[in-house]
Amino acid sequence: NKGETLGVVGESGCGKTMMALSLMRLIPDPP
């Protein structure tokens, strides 16, 4: 929502950064 602060938490390797990069469409293609 507008003005909201949402946390995404988990261990290293759980996919957090890949999810963030996906939102920005910055996934290296390939692979």
ModelCIF file with pLDDT and N, C-alpha, C, O atoms, coordinates in Angstrom:
data_MODEL
#
_entry.id   MODEL 
#
_entity.id                         1 
_entity.type                       polymer 
_entity.pdbx_number_of_molecules   1 
#
_entity_poly.entity_id                      1 
_entity_poly.type                           'polypeptide(L)' 
_entity_poly.nstd_linkage                   no 
_entity_poly.nstd_monomer                   no 
_entity_poly.pdbx_seq_one_letter_code       NKGETLGVVGESGCGKTMMALSLMRLIPDPP 
_entity_poly.pdbx_seq_one_letter_code_can   NKGETLGVVGESGCGKTMMALSLMRLIPDPP 
_entity_poly.pdbx_strand_id                 A 
#
loop_
_entity_poly_seq.entity_id 
_entity_poly_seq.num 
_entity_poly_seq.mon_id 
_entity_poly_seq.hetero 
1 1  ASN n 
1 2  LYS n 
1 3  GLY n 
1 4  GLU n 
1 5  THR n 
1 6  LEU n 
1 7  GLY n 
1 8  VAL n 
1 9  VAL n 
1 10 GLY n 
1 11 GLU n 
1 12 SER n 
1 13 GLY n 
1 14 CYS n 
1 15 GLY n 
1 16 LYS n 
1 17 THR n 
1 18 MET n 
1 19 MET n 
1 20 ALA n 
1 21 LEU n 
1 22 SER n 
1 23 LEU n 
1 24 MET n 
1 25 ARG n 
1 26 LEU n 
1 27 ILE n 
1 28 PRO n 
1 29 ASP n 
1 30 PRO n 
1 31 PRO n 
#
_struct_asym.id          A 
_struct_asym.entity_id   1 
#
loop_
_ma_qa_metric.id 
_ma_qa_metric.mode 
_ma_qa_metric.name 
_ma_qa_metric.software_group_id 
_ma_qa_metric.type 
1 global pLDDT . pLDDT 
2 local  pLDDT . pLDDT 
#
_ma_qa_metric_global.metric_id      1 
_ma_qa_metric_global.metric_value   93.32 
_ma_qa_metric_global.model_id       1 
_ma_qa_metric_global.ordinal_id     1 
#
loop_
_ma_qa_metric_local.label_asym_id 
_ma_qa_metric_local.label_comp_id 
_ma_qa_metric_local.label_seq_id 
_ma_qa_metric_local.metric_id 
_ma_qa_metric_local.metric_value 
_ma_qa_metric_local.model_id 
_ma_qa_metric_local.ordinal_id 
A ASN 1  2 94.00 1 1  
A LYS 2  2 91.00 1 2  
A GLY 3  2 91.00 1 3  
A GLU 4  2 94.00 1 4  
A THR 5  2 94.00 1 5  
A LEU 6  2 96.00 1 6  
A GLY 7  2 96.00 1 7  
A VAL 8  2 97.00 1 8  
A VAL 9  2 95.00 1 9  
A GLY 10 2 92.00 1 10 
A GLU 11 2 90.00 1 11 
A SER 12 2 88.00 1 12 
A GLY 13 2 88.00 1 13 
A CYS 14 2 91.00 1 14 
A GLY 15 2 92.00 1 15 
A LYS 16 2 94.00 1 16 
A THR 17 2 94.00 1 17 
A MET 18 2 95.00 1 18 
A MET 19 2 96.00 1 19 
A ALA 20 2 96.00 1 20 
A LEU 21 2 95.00 1 21 
A SER 22 2 97.00 1 22 
A LEU 23 2 96.00 1 23 
A MET 24 2 95.00 1 24 
A ARG 25 2 96.00 1 25 
A LEU 26 2 95.00 1 26 
A ILE 27 2 95.00 1 27 
A PRO 28 2 91.00 1 28 
A ASP 29 2 87.00 1 29 
A PRO 30 2 89.00 1 30 
A PRO 31 2 93.00 1 31 
#
loop_
_atom_site.group_PDB 
_atom_site.id 
_atom_site.type_symbol 
_atom_site.label_atom_id 
_atom_site.label_alt_id 
_atom_site.label_comp_id 
_atom_site.label_asym_id 
_atom_site.label_entity_id 
_atom_site.label_seq_id 
_atom_site.pdbx_PDB_ins_code 
_atom_site.Cartn_x 
_atom_site.Cartn_y 
_atom_site.Cartn_z 
_atom_site.occupancy 
_atom_site.B_iso_or_equiv 
_atom_site.pdbx_formal_charge 
_atom_site.auth_seq_id 
_atom_site.auth_comp_id 
_atom_site.auth_asym_id 
_atom_site.auth_atom_id 
_atom_site.pdbx_PDB_model_num 
ATOM 1   N N  . ASN A 1 1  ? 0.827  -1.205  0.000   1.00 94.00 ? 1  ASN A N  1 
ATOM 2   C CA . ASN A 1 1  ? 0.000  0.000   0.000   1.00 94.00 ? 1  ASN A CA 1 
ATOM 3   C C  . ASN A 1 1  ? 0.865  1.260   0.000   1.00 94.00 ? 1  ASN A C  1 
ATOM 4   O O  . ASN A 1 1  ? 2.045  1.217   0.347   1.00 94.00 ? 1  ASN A O  1 
ATOM 5   N N  . LYS A 1 2  ? 0.274  2.352   -0.385  1.00 91.00 ? 2  LYS A N  1 
ATOM 6   C CA . LYS A 1 2  ? 0.992  3.626   -0.401  1.00 91.00 ? 2  LYS A CA 1 
ATOM 7   C C  . LYS A 1 2  ? 1.405  4.010   1.011   1.00 91.00 ? 2  LYS A C  1 
ATOM 8   O O  . LYS A 1 2  ? 0.588  3.980   1.931   1.00 91.00 ? 2  LYS A O  1 
ATOM 9   N N  . GLY A 1 3  ? 2.677  4.372   1.186   1.00 91.00 ? 3  GLY A N  1 
ATOM 10  C CA . GLY A 1 3  ? 3.192  4.790   2.479   1.00 91.00 ? 3  GLY A CA 1 
ATOM 11  C C  . GLY A 1 3  ? 3.518  3.671   3.445   1.00 91.00 ? 3  GLY A C  1 
ATOM 12  O O  . GLY A 1 3  ? 3.925  3.931   4.577   1.00 91.00 ? 3  GLY A O  1 
ATOM 13  N N  . GLU A 1 4  ? 3.345  2.423   3.016   1.00 94.00 ? 4  GLU A N  1 
ATOM 14  C CA . GLU A 1 4  ? 3.572  1.275   3.894   1.00 94.00 ? 4  GLU A CA 1 
ATOM 15  C C  . GLU A 1 4  ? 5.039  0.840   3.879   1.00 94.00 ? 4  GLU A C  1 
ATOM 16  O O  . GLU A 1 4  ? 5.739  1.009   2.881   1.00 94.00 ? 4  GLU A O  1 
ATOM 17  N N  . THR A 1 5  ? 5.489  0.278   5.001   1.00 94.00 ? 5  THR A N  1 
ATOM 18  C CA . THR A 1 5  ? 6.803  -0.355  5.071   1.00 94.00 ? 5  THR A CA 1 
ATOM 19  C C  . THR A 1 5  ? 6.601  -1.849  5.266   1.00 94.00 ? 5  THR A C  1 
ATOM 20  O O  . THR A 1 5  ? 6.114  -2.289  6.308   1.00 94.00 ? 5  THR A O  1 
ATOM 21  N N  . LEU A 1 6  ? 6.974  -2.617  4.265   1.00 96.00 ? 6  LEU A N  1 
ATOM 22  C CA . LEU A 1 6  ? 6.808  -4.071  4.272   1.00 96.00 ? 6  LEU A CA 1 
ATOM 23  C C  . LEU A 1 6  ? 8.179  -4.721  4.431   1.00 96.00 ? 6  LEU A C  1 
ATOM 24  O O  . LEU A 1 6  ? 9.114  -4.384  3.705   1.00 96.00 ? 6  LEU A O  1 
ATOM 25  N N  . GLY A 1 7  ? 8.301  -5.646  5.372   1.00 96.00 ? 7  GLY A N  1 
ATOM 26  C CA . GLY A 1 7  ? 9.555  -6.373  5.562   1.00 96.00 ? 7  GLY A CA 1 
ATOM 27  C C  . GLY A 1 7  ? 9.488  -7.747  4.922   1.00 96.00 ? 7  GLY A C  1 
ATOM 28  O O  . GLY A 1 7  ? 8.461  -8.423  4.988   1.00 96.00 ? 7  GLY A O  1 
ATOM 29  N N  . VAL A 1 8  ? 10.596 -8.161  4.295   1.00 97.00 ? 8  VAL A N  1 
ATOM 30  C CA . VAL A 1 8  ? 10.734 -9.523  3.770   1.00 97.00 ? 8  VAL A CA 1 
ATOM 31  C C  . VAL A 1 8  ? 11.971 -10.111 4.432   1.00 97.00 ? 8  VAL A C  1 
ATOM 32  O O  . VAL A 1 8  ? 13.077 -9.602  4.250   1.00 97.00 ? 8  VAL A O  1 
ATOM 33  N N  . VAL A 1 9  ? 11.789 -11.182 5.200   1.00 95.00 ? 9  VAL A N  1 
ATOM 34  C CA . VAL A 1 9  ? 12.883 -11.716 6.019   1.00 95.00 ? 9  VAL A CA 1 
ATOM 35  C C  . VAL A 1 9  ? 13.099 -13.195 5.734   1.00 95.00 ? 9  VAL A C  1 
ATOM 36  O O  . VAL A 1 9  ? 12.160 -13.919 5.401   1.00 95.00 ? 9  VAL A O  1 
ATOM 37  N N  . GLY A 1 10 ? 14.347 -13.635 5.869   1.00 92.00 ? 10 GLY A N  1 
ATOM 38  C CA . GLY A 1 10 ? 14.689 -15.046 5.660   1.00 92.00 ? 10 GLY A CA 1 
ATOM 39  C C  . GLY A 1 10 ? 16.196 -15.218 5.616   1.00 92.00 ? 10 GLY A C  1 
ATOM 40  O O  . GLY A 1 10 ? 16.945 -14.243 5.558   1.00 92.00 ? 10 GLY A O  1 
ATOM 41  N N  . GLU A 1 11 ? 16.632 -16.476 5.644   1.00 90.00 ? 11 GLU A N  1 
ATOM 42  C CA . GLU A 1 11 ? 18.058 -16.775 5.588   1.00 90.00 ? 11 GLU A CA 1 
ATOM 43  C C  . GLU A 1 11 ? 18.656 -16.419 4.230   1.00 90.00 ? 11 GLU A C  1 
ATOM 44  O O  . GLU A 1 11 ? 17.932 -16.198 3.259   1.00 90.00 ? 11 GLU A O  1 
ATOM 45  N N  . SER A 1 12 ? 19.983 -16.369 4.175   1.00 88.00 ? 12 SER A N  1 
ATOM 46  C CA . SER A 1 12 ? 20.663 -16.223 2.892   1.00 88.00 ? 12 SER A CA 1 
ATOM 47  C C  . SER A 1 12 ? 20.320 -17.422 2.012   1.00 88.00 ? 12 SER A C  1 
ATOM 48  O O  . SER A 1 12 ? 20.302 -18.561 2.476   1.00 88.00 ? 12 SER A O  1 
ATOM 49  N N  . GLY A 1 13 ? 20.050 -17.149 0.737   1.00 88.00 ? 13 GLY A N  1 
ATOM 50  C CA . GLY A 1 13 ? 19.725 -18.217 -0.194  1.00 88.00 ? 13 GLY A CA 1 
ATOM 51  C C  . GLY A 1 13 ? 18.261 -18.545 -0.297  1.00 88.00 ? 13 GLY A C  1 
ATOM 52  O O  . GLY A 1 13 ? 17.884 -19.472 -1.015  1.00 88.00 ? 13 GLY A O  1 
ATOM 53  N N  . CYS A 1 14 ? 17.398 -17.784 0.426   1.00 91.00 ? 14 CYS A N  1 
ATOM 54  C CA . CYS A 1 14 ? 15.968 -18.107 0.393   1.00 91.00 ? 14 CYS A CA 1 
ATOM 55  C C  . CYS A 1 14 ? 15.241 -17.445 -0.778  1.00 91.00 ? 14 CYS A C  1 
ATOM 56  O O  . CYS A 1 14 ? 14.078 -17.759 -1.033  1.00 91.00 ? 14 CYS A O  1 
ATOM 57  N N  . GLY A 1 15 ? 15.909 -16.529 -1.495  1.00 92.00 ? 15 GLY A N  1 
ATOM 58  C CA . GLY A 1 15 ? 15.287 -15.914 -2.673  1.00 92.00 ? 15 GLY A CA 1 
ATOM 59  C C  . GLY A 1 15 ? 14.872 -14.466 -2.498  1.00 92.00 ? 15 GLY A C  1 
ATOM 60  O O  . GLY A 1 15 ? 14.239 -13.900 -3.388  1.00 92.00 ? 15 GLY A O  1 
ATOM 61  N N  . LYS A 1 16 ? 15.215 -13.850 -1.366  1.00 94.00 ? 16 LYS A N  1 
ATOM 62  C CA . LYS A 1 16 ? 14.773 -12.470 -1.087  1.00 94.00 ? 16 LYS A CA 1 
ATOM 63  C C  . LYS A 1 16 ? 15.304 -11.486 -2.138  1.00 94.00 ? 16 LYS A C  1 
ATOM 64  O O  . LYS A 1 16 ? 14.546 -10.705 -2.712  1.00 94.00 ? 16 LYS A O  1 
ATOM 65  N N  . THR A 1 17 ? 16.617 -11.541 -2.376  1.00 94.00 ? 17 THR A N  1 
ATOM 66  C CA . THR A 1 17 ? 17.225 -10.599 -3.321  1.00 94.00 ? 17 THR A CA 1 
ATOM 67  C C  . THR A 1 17 ? 16.722 -10.842 -4.731  1.00 94.00 ? 17 THR A C  1 
ATOM 68  O O  . THR A 1 17 ? 16.483 -9.886  -5.468  1.00 94.00 ? 17 THR A O  1 
ATOM 69  N N  . MET A 1 18 ? 16.555 -12.105 -5.127  1.00 95.00 ? 18 MET A N  1 
ATOM 70  C CA . MET A 1 18 ? 16.057 -12.412 -6.469  1.00 95.00 ? 18 MET A CA 1 
ATOM 71  C C  . MET A 1 18 ? 14.631 -11.888 -6.657  1.00 95.00 ? 18 MET A C  1 
ATOM 72  O O  . MET A 1 18 ? 14.260 -11.456 -7.748  1.00 95.00 ? 18 MET A O  1 
ATOM 73  N N  . MET A 1 19 ? 13.835 -11.931 -5.580  1.00 96.00 ? 19 MET A N  1 
ATOM 74  C CA . MET A 1 19 ? 12.488 -11.365 -5.664  1.00 96.00 ? 19 MET A CA 1 
ATOM 75  C C  . MET A 1 19 ? 12.554 -9.858  -5.880  1.00 96.00 ? 19 MET A C  1 
ATOM 76  O O  . MET A 1 19 ? 11.824 -9.307  -6.704  1.00 96.00 ? 19 MET A O  1 
ATOM 77  N N  . ALA A 1 20 ? 13.451 -9.183  -5.119  1.00 96.00 ? 20 ALA A N  1 
ATOM 78  C CA . ALA A 1 20 ? 13.598 -7.732  -5.254  1.00 96.00 ? 20 ALA A CA 1 
ATOM 79  C C  . ALA A 1 20 ? 14.079 -7.360  -6.658  1.00 96.00 ? 20 ALA A C  1 
ATOM 80  O O  . ALA A 1 20 ? 13.558 -6.424  -7.265  1.00 96.00 ? 20 ALA A O  1 
ATOM 81  N N  . LEU A 1 21 ? 15.061 -8.082  -7.170  1.00 95.00 ? 21 LEU A N  1 
ATOM 82  C CA . LEU A 1 21 ? 15.572 -7.813  -8.519  1.00 95.00 ? 21 LEU A CA 1 
ATOM 83  C C  . LEU A 1 21 ? 14.515 -8.101  -9.580  1.00 95.00 ? 21 LEU A C  1 
ATOM 84  O O  . LEU A 1 21 ? 14.480 -7.444  -10.620 1.00 95.00 ? 21 LEU A O  1 
ATOM 85  N N  . SER A 1 22 ? 13.658 -9.079  -9.318  1.00 97.00 ? 22 SER A N  1 
ATOM 86  C CA . SER A 1 22 ? 12.565 -9.374  -10.256 1.00 97.00 ? 22 SER A CA 1 
ATOM 87  C C  . SER A 1 22 ? 11.593 -8.209  -10.344 1.00 97.00 ? 22 SER A C  1 
ATOM 88  O O  . SER A 1 22 ? 11.124 -7.873  -11.431 1.00 97.00 ? 22 SER A O  1 
ATOM 89  N N  . LEU A 1 23 ? 11.284 -7.582  -9.199  1.00 96.00 ? 23 LEU A N  1 
ATOM 90  C CA . LEU A 1 23 ? 10.381 -6.432  -9.198  1.00 96.00 ? 23 LEU A CA 1 
ATOM 91  C C  . LEU A 1 23 ? 10.957 -5.292  -10.046 1.00 96.00 ? 23 LEU A C  1 
ATOM 92  O O  . LEU A 1 23 ? 10.219 -4.556  -10.702 1.00 96.00 ? 23 LEU A O  1 
ATOM 93  N N  . MET A 1 24 ? 12.288 -5.161  -10.021 1.00 95.00 ? 24 MET A N  1 
ATOM 94  C CA . MET A 1 24 ? 12.960 -4.113  -10.797 1.00 95.00 ? 24 MET A CA 1 
ATOM 95  C C  . MET A 1 24 ? 13.256 -4.550  -12.233 1.00 95.00 ? 24 MET A C  1 
ATOM 96  O O  . MET A 1 24 ? 13.730 -3.754  -13.044 1.00 95.00 ? 24 MET A O  1 
ATOM 97  N N  . ARG A 1 25 ? 12.976 -5.808  -12.538 1.00 96.00 ? 25 ARG A N  1 
ATOM 98  C CA . ARG A 1 25 ? 13.316 -6.428  -13.825 1.00 96.00 ? 25 ARG A CA 1 
ATOM 99  C C  . ARG A 1 25 ? 14.815 -6.293  -14.113 1.00 96.00 ? 25 ARG A C  1 
ATOM 100 O O  . ARG A 1 25 ? 15.226 -5.840  -15.181 1.00 96.00 ? 25 ARG A O  1 
ATOM 101 N N  . LEU A 1 26 ? 15.610 -6.701  -13.127 1.00 95.00 ? 26 LEU A N  1 
ATOM 102 C CA . LEU A 1 26 ? 17.062 -6.658  -13.241 1.00 95.00 ? 26 LEU A CA 1 
ATOM 103 C C  . LEU A 1 26 ? 17.685 -8.056  -13.155 1.00 95.00 ? 26 LEU A C  1 
ATOM 104 O O  . LEU A 1 26 ? 18.868 -8.188  -12.840 1.00 95.00 ? 26 LEU A O  1 
ATOM 105 N N  . ILE A 1 27 ? 16.902 -9.085  -13.430 1.00 95.00 ? 27 ILE A N  1 
ATOM 106 C CA . ILE A 1 27 ? 17.414 -10.455 -13.424 1.00 95.00 ? 27 ILE A CA 1 
ATOM 107 C C  . ILE A 1 27 ? 18.332 -10.651 -14.633 1.00 95.00 ? 27 ILE A C  1 
ATOM 108 O O  . ILE A 1 27 ? 17.926 -10.359 -15.758 1.00 95.00 ? 27 ILE A O  1 
ATOM 109 N N  . PRO A 1 28 ? 19.564 -11.140 -14.426 1.00 91.00 ? 28 PRO A N  1 
ATOM 110 C CA . PRO A 1 28 ? 20.466 -11.363 -15.560 1.00 91.00 ? 28 PRO A CA 1 
ATOM 111 C C  . PRO A 1 28 ? 19.941 -12.472 -16.474 1.00 91.00 ? 28 PRO A C  1 
ATOM 112 O O  . PRO A 1 28 ? 19.723 -13.601 -16.035 1.00 91.00 ? 28 PRO A O  1 
ATOM 113 N N  . ASP A 1 29 ? 19.742 -12.137 -17.740 1.00 87.00 ? 29 ASP A N  1 
ATOM 114 C CA . ASP A 1 29 ? 19.162 -13.079 -18.705 1.00 87.00 ? 29 ASP A CA 1 
ATOM 115 C C  . ASP A 1 29 ? 20.087 -13.211 -19.922 1.00 87.00 ? 29 ASP A C  1 
ATOM 116 O O  . ASP A 1 29 ? 20.238 -12.239 -20.662 1.00 87.00 ? 29 ASP A O  1 
ATOM 117 N N  . PRO A 1 30 ? 20.725 -14.397 -20.165 1.00 89.00 ? 30 PRO A N  1 
ATOM 118 C CA . PRO A 1 30 ? 20.703 -15.604 -19.337 1.00 89.00 ? 30 PRO A CA 1 
ATOM 119 C C  . PRO A 1 30 ? 21.614 -15.444 -18.118 1.00 89.00 ? 30 PRO A C  1 
ATOM 120 O O  . PRO A 1 30 ? 22.382 -14.484 -18.049 1.00 89.00 ? 30 PRO A O  1 
ATOM 121 N N  . PRO A 1 31 ? 21.541 -16.362 -17.163 1.00 93.00 ? 31 PRO A N  1 
ATOM 122 C CA . PRO A 1 31 ? 20.768 -17.610 -17.097 1.00 93.00 ? 31 PRO A CA 1 
ATOM 123 C C  . PRO A 1 31 ? 19.388 -17.450 -16.476 1.00 93.00 ? 31 PRO A C  1 
ATOM 124 O O  . PRO A 1 31 ? 18.644 -18.424 -16.365 1.00 93.00 ? 31 PRO A O  1 
#
